PDB file of N, CA and C in Angstrom:
ATOM      1  N   MET A   1     -25.142   9.380  10.238  1.00  0.00           N
ATOM      2  CA  MET A   1     -24.002  10.278  10.242  1.00  0.00           C
ATOM      3  C   MET A   1     -23.368  10.294   8.851  1.00  0.00           C
ATOM      4  N   SER A   2     -23.178  11.463   8.311  1.00  0.00           N
ATOM      5  CA  SER A   2     -22.589  11.619   6.994  1.00  0.00           C
ATOM      6  C   SER A   2     -21.073  11.496   7.061  1.00  0.00           C
ATOM      7  N   ARG A   3     -20.516  10.758   6.139  1.00  0.00           N
ATOM      8  CA  ARG A   3     -19.061  10.627   6.063  1.00  0.00           C
ATOM      9  C   ARG A   3     -18.468  11.613   5.077  1.00  0.00           C
ATOM     10  N   ASN A   4     -19.325  12.346   4.377  1.00  0.00           N
ATOM     11  CA  ASN A   4     -18.837  13.342   3.432  1.00  0.00           C
ATOM     12  C   ASN A   4     -18.371  14.571   4.183  1.00  0.00           C
ATOM     13  N   ARG A   5     -17.126  14.922   3.973  1.00  0.00           N
ATOM     14  CA  ARG A   5     -16.572  16.107   4.616  1.00  0.00           C
ATOM     15  C   ARG A   5     -15.983  17.015   3.545  1.00  0.00           C
ATOM     16  N   ASN A   6     -16.194  18.297   3.723  1.00  0.00           N
ATOM     17  CA  ASN A   6     -15.609  19.254   2.794  1.00  0.00           C
ATOM     18  C   ASN A   6     -14.136  19.427   3.113  1.00  0.00           C
ATOM     19  N   VAL A   7     -13.307  19.357   2.099  1.00  0.00           N
ATOM     20  CA  VAL A   7     -11.881  19.578   2.279  1.00  0.00           C
ATOM     21  C   VAL A   7     -11.642  21.037   2.653  1.00  0.00           C
ATOM     22  N   VAL A   8     -12.427  21.913   2.065  1.00  0.00           N
ATOM     23  CA  VAL A   8     -12.348  23.341   2.355  1.00  0.00           C
ATOM     24  C   VAL A   8     -13.693  23.750   2.957  1.00  0.00           C
ATOM     25  N   PRO A   9     -13.801  23.742   4.277  1.00  0.00           N
ATOM     26  CA  PRO A   9     -15.091  24.037   4.914  1.00  0.00           C
ATOM     27  C   PRO A   9     -15.689  25.388   4.524  1.00  0.00           C
ATOM     28  N   GLU A  10     -14.845  26.346   4.176  1.00  0.00           N
ATOM     29  CA  GLU A  10     -15.324  27.663   3.784  1.00  0.00           C
ATOM     30  C   GLU A  10     -16.127  27.613   2.477  1.00  0.00           C
ATOM     31  N   ALA A  11     -16.001  26.543   1.725  1.00  0.00           N
ATOM     32  CA  ALA A  11     -16.681  26.421   0.435  1.00  0.00           C
ATOM     33  C   ALA A  11     -18.078  25.818   0.572  1.00  0.00           C
ATOM     34  N   ARG A  12     -18.492  25.468   1.776  1.00  0.00           N
ATOM     35  CA  ARG A  12     -19.765  24.780   1.975  1.00  0.00           C
ATOM     36  C   ARG A  12     -20.951  25.555   1.397  1.00  0.00           C
ATOM     37  N   ALA A  13     -21.041  26.840   1.679  1.00  0.00           N
ATOM     38  CA  ALA A  13     -22.159  27.643   1.184  1.00  0.00           C
ATOM     39  C   ALA A  13     -22.170  27.700  -0.342  1.00  0.00           C
ATOM     40  N   ALA A  14     -20.999  27.852  -0.932  1.00  0.00           N
ATOM     41  CA  ALA A  14     -20.911  27.905  -2.395  1.00  0.00           C
ATOM     42  C   ALA A  14     -21.296  26.565  -3.009  1.00  0.00           C
ATOM     43  N   LEU A  15     -20.887  25.465  -2.387  1.00  0.00           N
ATOM     44  CA  LEU A  15     -21.250  24.143  -2.898  1.00  0.00           C
ATOM     45  C   LEU A  15     -22.748  23.898  -2.773  1.00  0.00           C
ATOM     46  N   ASP A  16     -23.350  24.337  -1.685  1.00  0.00           N
ATOM     47  CA  ASP A  16     -24.797  24.189  -1.539  1.00  0.00           C
ATOM     48  C   ASP A  16     -25.535  24.982  -2.614  1.00  0.00           C
ATOM     49  N   ALA A  17     -25.100  26.201  -2.848  1.00  0.00           N
ATOM     50  CA  ALA A  17     -25.724  27.022  -3.893  1.00  0.00           C
ATOM     51  C   ALA A  17     -25.552  26.371  -5.255  1.00  0.00           C
ATOM     52  N   PHE A  18     -24.373  25.818  -5.508  1.00  0.00           N
ATOM     53  CA  PHE A  18     -24.091  25.133  -6.771  1.00  0.00           C
ATOM     54  C   PHE A  18     -24.995  23.910  -6.926  1.00  0.00           C
ATOM     55  N   LYS A  19     -25.216  23.184  -5.839  1.00  0.00           N
ATOM     56  CA  LYS A  19     -26.074  21.996  -5.863  1.00  0.00           C
ATOM     57  C   LYS A  19     -27.494  22.365  -6.302  1.00  0.00           C
ATOM     58  N   TYR A  20     -28.050  23.432  -5.736  1.00  0.00           N
ATOM     59  CA  TYR A  20     -29.404  23.845  -6.098  1.00  0.00           C
ATOM     60  C   TYR A  20     -29.464  24.394  -7.515  1.00  0.00           C
ATOM     61  N   GLU A  21     -28.407  25.053  -7.946  1.00  0.00           N
ATOM     62  CA  GLU A  21     -28.336  25.552  -9.321  1.00  0.00           C
ATOM     63  C   GLU A  21     -28.350  24.394 -10.306  1.00  0.00           C
ATOM     64  N   VAL A  22     -27.537  23.375 -10.033  1.00  0.00           N
ATOM     65  CA  VAL A  22     -27.466  22.206 -10.910  1.00  0.00           C
ATOM     66  C   VAL A  22     -28.802  21.463 -10.913  1.00  0.00           C
ATOM     67  N   ALA A  23     -29.397  21.283  -9.736  1.00  0.00           N
ATOM     68  CA  ALA A  23     -30.685  20.595  -9.662  1.00  0.00           C
ATOM     69  C   ALA A  23     -31.728  21.318 -10.500  1.00  0.00           C
ATOM     70  N   ASN A  24     -31.732  22.632 -10.429  1.00  0.00           N
ATOM     71  CA  ASN A  24     -32.673  23.421 -11.221  1.00  0.00           C
ATOM     72  C   ASN A  24     -32.411  23.246 -12.715  1.00  0.00           C
ATOM     73  N   GLU A  25     -31.137  23.238 -13.105  1.00  0.00           N
ATOM     74  CA  GLU A  25     -30.769  23.081 -14.528  1.00  0.00           C
ATOM     75  C   GLU A  25     -31.267  21.772 -15.103  1.00  0.00           C
ATOM     76  N   ILE A  26     -31.180  20.692 -14.320  1.00  0.00           N
ATOM     77  CA  ILE A  26     -31.551  19.381 -14.855  1.00  0.00           C
ATOM     78  C   ILE A  26     -32.972  18.969 -14.486  1.00  0.00           C
ATOM     79  N   GLY A  27     -33.698  19.872 -13.831  1.00  0.00           N
ATOM     80  CA  GLY A  27     -35.113  19.629 -13.564  1.00  0.00           C
ATOM     81  C   GLY A  27     -35.418  18.753 -12.365  1.00  0.00           C
ATOM     82  N   VAL A  28     -34.510  18.670 -11.416  1.00  0.00           N
ATOM     83  CA  VAL A  28     -34.750  17.900 -10.203  1.00  0.00           C
ATOM     84  C   VAL A  28     -35.304  18.855  -9.141  1.00  0.00           C
ATOM     85  N   PRO A  29     -36.476  18.535  -8.581  1.00  0.00           N
ATOM     86  CA  PRO A  29     -37.102  19.454  -7.614  1.00  0.00           C
ATOM     87  C   PRO A  29     -36.473  19.384  -6.225  1.00  0.00           C
ATOM     88  N   LEU A  30     -35.196  19.698  -6.125  1.00  0.00           N
ATOM     89  CA  LEU A  30     -34.466  19.676  -4.864  1.00  0.00           C
ATOM     90  C   LEU A  30     -34.851  20.891  -4.046  1.00  0.00           C
ATOM     91  N   LYS A  31     -35.103  20.684  -2.761  1.00  0.00           N
ATOM     92  CA  LYS A  31     -35.492  21.788  -1.895  1.00  0.00           C
ATOM     93  C   LYS A  31     -34.699  21.731  -0.600  1.00  0.00           C
ATOM     94  N   GLN A  32     -34.708  22.830   0.140  1.00  0.00           N
ATOM     95  CA  GLN A  32     -34.035  22.868   1.436  1.00  0.00           C
ATOM     96  C   GLN A  32     -34.702  21.858   2.359  1.00  0.00           C
ATOM     97  N   GLY A  33     -33.919  21.174   3.163  1.00  0.00           N
ATOM     98  CA  GLY A  33     -34.485  20.238   4.129  1.00  0.00           C
ATOM     99  C   GLY A  33     -34.664  18.843   3.564  1.00  0.00           C
ATOM    100  N   TYR A  34     -35.767  18.220   3.897  1.00  0.00           N
ATOM    101  CA  TYR A  34     -36.043  16.826   3.562  1.00  0.00           C
ATOM    102  C   TYR A  34     -36.272  16.638   2.066  1.00  0.00           C
ATOM    103  N   ASN A  35     -35.564  15.681   1.472  1.00  0.00           N
ATOM    104  CA  ASN A  35     -35.735  15.349   0.057  1.00  0.00           C
ATOM    105  C   ASN A  35     -35.913  13.849  -0.132  1.00  0.00           C
ATOM    106  N   GLY A  36     -36.474  13.190   0.879  1.00  0.00           N
ATOM    107  CA  GLY A  36     -36.667  11.742   0.811  1.00  0.00           C
ATOM    108  C   GLY A  36     -37.677  11.294  -0.226  1.00  0.00           C
ATOM    109  N   ASP A  37     -38.431  12.233  -0.765  1.00  0.00           N
ATOM    110  CA  ASP A  37     -39.401  11.894  -1.799  1.00  0.00           C
ATOM    111  C   ASP A  37     -38.757  11.788  -3.179  1.00  0.00           C
ATOM    112  N   LEU A  38     -37.489  12.166  -3.294  1.00  0.00           N
ATOM    113  CA  LEU A  38     -36.778  12.050  -4.571  1.00  0.00           C
ATOM    114  C   LEU A  38     -36.174  10.660  -4.708  1.00  0.00           C
ATOM    115  N   THR A  39     -36.048  10.205  -5.937  1.00  0.00           N
ATOM    116  CA  THR A  39     -35.451   8.891  -6.170  1.00  0.00           C
ATOM    117  C   THR A  39     -33.931   8.976  -6.058  1.00  0.00           C
ATOM    118  N   SER A  40     -33.305   7.826  -5.866  1.00  0.00           N
ATOM    119  CA  SER A  40     -31.849   7.804  -5.815  1.00  0.00           C
ATOM    120  C   SER A  40     -31.264   8.220  -7.169  1.00  0.00           C
ATOM    121  N   PHE A  41     -31.967   7.935  -8.240  1.00  0.00           N
ATOM    122  CA  PHE A  41     -31.516   8.355  -9.565  1.00  0.00           C
ATOM    123  C   PHE A  41     -31.479   9.873  -9.658  1.00  0.00           C
ATOM    124  N   GLN A  42     -32.535  10.530  -9.160  1.00  0.00           N
ATOM    125  CA  GLN A  42     -32.583  11.991  -9.198  1.00  0.00           C
ATOM    126  C   GLN A  42     -31.454  12.589  -8.357  1.00  0.00           C
ATOM    127  N   ASN A  43     -31.301  12.092  -7.152  1.00  0.00           N
ATOM    128  CA  ASN A  43     -30.241  12.610  -6.283  1.00  0.00           C
ATOM    129  C   ASN A  43     -28.860  12.342  -6.879  1.00  0.00           C
ATOM    130  N   GLY A  44     -28.665  11.160  -7.414  1.00  0.00           N
ATOM    131  CA  GLY A  44     -27.380  10.809  -8.019  1.00  0.00           C
ATOM    132  C   GLY A  44     -27.069  11.641  -9.239  1.00  0.00           C
ATOM    133  N   SER A  45     -28.105  11.972 -10.006  1.00  0.00           N
ATOM    134  CA  SER A  45     -27.865  12.776 -11.210  1.00  0.00           C
ATOM    135  C   SER A  45     -27.404  14.182 -10.841  1.00  0.00           C
ATOM    136  N   VAL A  46     -27.899  14.724  -9.721  1.00  0.00           N
ATOM    137  CA  VAL A  46     -27.448  16.047  -9.282  1.00  0.00           C
ATOM    138  C   VAL A  46     -25.961  15.985  -8.946  1.00  0.00           C
ATOM    139  N   GLY A  47     -25.563  15.013  -8.139  1.00  0.00           N
ATOM    140  CA  GLY A  47     -24.156  14.874  -7.764  1.00  0.00           C
ATOM    141  C   GLY A  47     -23.266  14.610  -8.963  1.00  0.00           C
ATOM    142  N   GLY A  48     -23.712  13.747  -9.851  1.00  0.00           N
ATOM    143  CA  GLY A  48     -22.920  13.429 -11.036  1.00  0.00           C
ATOM    144  C   GLY A  48     -22.730  14.631 -11.944  1.00  0.00           C
ATOM    145  N   TYR A  49     -23.792  15.410 -12.122  1.00  0.00           N
ATOM    146  CA  TYR A  49     -23.693  16.581 -12.982  1.00  0.00           C
ATOM    147  C   TYR A  49     -22.830  17.658 -12.343  1.00  0.00           C
ATOM    148  N   MET A  50     -22.882  17.752 -11.007  1.00  0.00           N
ATOM    149  CA  MET A  50     -22.005  18.701 -10.309  1.00  0.00           C
ATOM    150  C   MET A  50     -20.546  18.363 -10.583  1.00  0.00           C
ATOM    151  N   VAL A  51     -20.205  17.091 -10.459  1.00  0.00           N
ATOM    152  CA  VAL A  51     -18.824  16.656 -10.694  1.00  0.00           C
ATOM    153  C   VAL A  51     -18.421  16.942 -12.137  1.00  0.00           C
ATOM    154  N   LYS A  52     -19.311  16.641 -13.073  1.00  0.00           N
ATOM    155  CA  LYS A  52     -19.021  16.879 -14.488  1.00  0.00           C
ATOM    156  C   LYS A  52     -18.715  18.351 -14.738  1.00  0.00           C
ATOM    157  N   LYS A  53     -19.534  19.246 -14.174  1.00  0.00           N
ATOM    158  CA  LYS A  53     -19.322  20.686 -14.377  1.00  0.00           C
ATOM    159  C   LYS A  53     -18.036  21.158 -13.701  1.00  0.00           C
ATOM    160  N   MET A  54     -17.719  20.613 -12.517  1.00  0.00           N
ATOM    161  CA  MET A  54     -16.485  21.013 -11.837  1.00  0.00           C
ATOM    162  C   MET A  54     -15.255  20.540 -12.611  1.00  0.00           C
ATOM    163  N   VAL A  55     -15.305  19.332 -13.164  1.00  0.00           N
ATOM    164  CA  VAL A  55     -14.182  18.824 -13.956  1.00  0.00           C
ATOM    165  C   VAL A  55     -14.009  19.669 -15.210  1.00  0.00           C
ATOM    166  N   GLU A  56     -15.103  19.996 -15.878  1.00  0.00           N
ATOM    167  CA  GLU A  56     -15.020  20.839 -17.079  1.00  0.00           C
ATOM    168  C   GLU A  56     -14.407  22.196 -16.763  1.00  0.00           C
ATOM    169  N   ALA A  57     -14.824  22.801 -15.649  1.00  0.00           N
ATOM    170  CA  ALA A  57     -14.288  24.108 -15.265  1.00  0.00           C
ATOM    171  C   ALA A  57     -12.788  24.018 -14.981  1.00  0.00           C
ATOM    172  N   GLN A  58     -12.379  22.967 -14.315  1.00  0.00           N
ATOM    173  CA  GLN A  58     -10.955  22.800 -14.006  1.00  0.00           C
ATOM    174  C   GLN A  58     -10.145  22.561 -15.276  1.00  0.00           C
ATOM    175  N   GLN A  59     -10.685  21.786 -16.201  1.00  0.00           N
ATOM    176  CA  GLN A  59      -9.985  21.542 -17.460  1.00  0.00           C
ATOM    177  C   GLN A  59      -9.821  22.841 -18.246  1.00  0.00           C
ATOM    178  N   ARG A  60     -10.879  23.675 -18.253  1.00  0.00           N
ATOM    179  CA  ARG A  60     -10.771  24.974 -18.950  1.00  0.00           C
ATOM    180  C   ARG A  60      -9.706  25.833 -18.299  1.00  0.00           C
ATOM    181  N   GLN A  61      -9.668  25.837 -16.964  1.00  0.00           N
ATOM    182  CA  GLN A  61      -8.673  26.626 -16.254  1.00  0.00           C
ATOM    183  C   GLN A  61      -7.268  26.128 -16.557  1.00  0.00           C
ATOM    184  N   MET A  62      -7.090  24.823 -16.600  1.00  0.00           N
ATOM    185  CA  MET A  62      -5.757  24.242 -16.863  1.00  0.00           C
ATOM    186  C   MET A  62      -5.329  24.501 -18.299  1.00  0.00           C
ATOM    187  N   ALA A  63      -6.313  24.608 -19.205  1.00  0.00           N
ATOM    188  CA  ALA A  63      -5.998  24.872 -20.604  1.00  0.00           C
ATOM    189  C   ALA A  63      -5.789  26.369 -20.848  1.00  0.00           C
ATOM    190  N   GLY A  64      -6.017  27.185 -19.838  1.00  0.00           N
ATOM    191  CA  GLY A  64      -5.804  28.619 -19.968  1.00  0.00           C
ATOM    192  C   GLY A  64      -6.955  29.351 -20.622  1.00  0.00           C
ATOM    193  N   LYS A  65      -8.135  28.761 -20.596  1.00  0.00           N
ATOM    194  CA  LYS A  65      -9.305  29.408 -21.222  1.00  0.00           C
ATOM    195  C   LYS A  65     -10.154  30.060 -20.178  1.00  0.00           C
TER     196      LYS A  65
END
């Protein structure tokens, strides 16, 4: 059972699309469904890069850019 819950459930589809976009950018072969063949490093790098991009976007917005 996953303990990760979206604060804004309506954003789920956008977050999933963002996840696959980020995975493609960094060369992780993430696919729909089972991804147990990927290493924890690969999976972690997708999540980490997603957070990095979201923080950068928020900082730009707060700076008025």
